[in-house]
Every structure is written in C-alpha cells, then in structure tokens.
Amino acid sequence: MTDTPNTQALRERFELIQSKRESLIRLLERPNLGTLRIDVNQALEEVDELIDEFKRTFPDL
C-alpha cells in the first residue's frame, strides 16, 4: 500500500492516540488520583476501544 497524504495523516493521528494511551497508563500509576482514577480508567477504556476499532477498520495501517 502506498501512502497518500490522507493515509499518512491518518497514521499520524492514530500514533498520537496511541501515545496518549501511554500517558493515561502513567497517570494511573500515580497514587494520589483519588476519584479522578475513575475518569482516567474510563478514558483508557475508550481509547482502547478506539484503537481496536481502528485496527479492525484499517488493518494495513
């Protein structure tokens, strides 16, 4: 598959989302989150779902 500008932009956005996931993981490791932990967990679940859907939709990217 050759990269078109749209394909490249999509790949870059996907990589950005994946990097944000790592930020959420690091945030969960902090002991002083309190009730914010619930929101971070929810965001992590939603990012994971988005990543899974993206991989199913665009398996070649």
Protein backbone atom coordinates (compact mmCIF):
# COMPACT_ATOMS: atom_id res chain seq x y z
CA MET A 1 0.00 0.00 0.00
CA THR A 2 1.41 3.35 -0.98
CA ASP A 3 0.99 6.23 1.40
CA THR A 4 -1.18 9.05 0.18
CA PRO A 5 -1.29 12.30 2.14
CA ASN A 6 -4.59 11.15 3.68
CA THR A 7 -3.14 7.77 4.65
CA GLN A 8 -0.13 9.42 6.23
CA ALA A 9 -2.30 11.87 8.16
CA LEU A 10 -4.49 9.03 9.41
CA ARG A 11 -1.45 7.06 10.52
CA GLU A 12 -0.05 10.10 12.36
CA ARG A 13 -3.33 10.68 14.18
CA PHE A 14 -3.50 7.03 15.16
CA GLU A 15 0.05 7.15 16.52
CA LEU A 16 -0.89 10.26 18.52
CA ILE A 17 -3.84 8.44 20.06
CA GLN A 18 -1.61 5.51 20.95
CA SER A 19 0.86 7.86 22.64
CA LYS A 20 -1.97 9.41 24.66
CA ARG A 21 -2.85 5.93 25.86
CA GLU A 22 0.61 5.60 27.36
CA SER A 23 0.08 8.91 29.16
CA LEU A 24 -3.11 7.56 30.71
CA ILE A 25 -1.29 4.43 31.88
CA ARG A 26 1.39 6.55 33.55
CA LEU A 27 -1.29 8.69 35.15
CA LEU A 28 -2.96 5.62 36.65
CA GLU A 29 0.31 4.72 38.35
CA ARG A 30 0.12 7.89 40.45
CA PRO A 31 -1.10 7.16 43.97
CA ASN A 32 -2.82 10.49 44.59
CA LEU A 33 -5.51 10.46 41.88
CA GLY A 34 -8.45 9.97 44.22
CA THR A 35 -11.78 9.94 42.41
CA LEU A 36 -10.10 11.12 39.20
CA ARG A 37 -8.93 7.50 38.82
CA ILE A 38 -12.47 6.61 37.67
CA ASP A 39 -12.31 9.15 34.83
CA VAL A 40 -8.82 8.06 33.81
CA ASN A 41 -9.94 4.41 33.73
CA GLN A 42 -12.94 5.36 31.59
CA ALA A 43 -10.75 7.35 29.19
CA LEU A 44 -8.35 4.42 28.94
CA GLU A 45 -11.20 2.03 28.11
CA GLU A 46 -12.49 4.38 25.43
CA VAL A 47 -9.04 4.82 23.89
CA ASP A 48 -8.58 1.05 23.87
CA GLU A 49 -11.91 0.62 22.09
CA LEU A 50 -10.96 3.28 19.55
CA ILE A 51 -7.61 1.60 18.89
CA ASP A 52 -9.29 -1.79 18.44
CA GLU A 53 -11.87 -0.37 16.05
CA PHE A 54 -9.19 1.45 14.08
CA LYS A 55 -7.13 -1.73 13.71
CA ARG A 56 -10.19 -3.68 12.55
CA THR A 57 -11.16 -0.98 10.08
CA PHE A 58 -7.64 -0.28 8.75
CA PRO A 59 -5.65 -3.49 9.25
CA ASP A 60 -2.93 -2.41 6.79
CA LEU A 61 -2.07 0.81 8.62
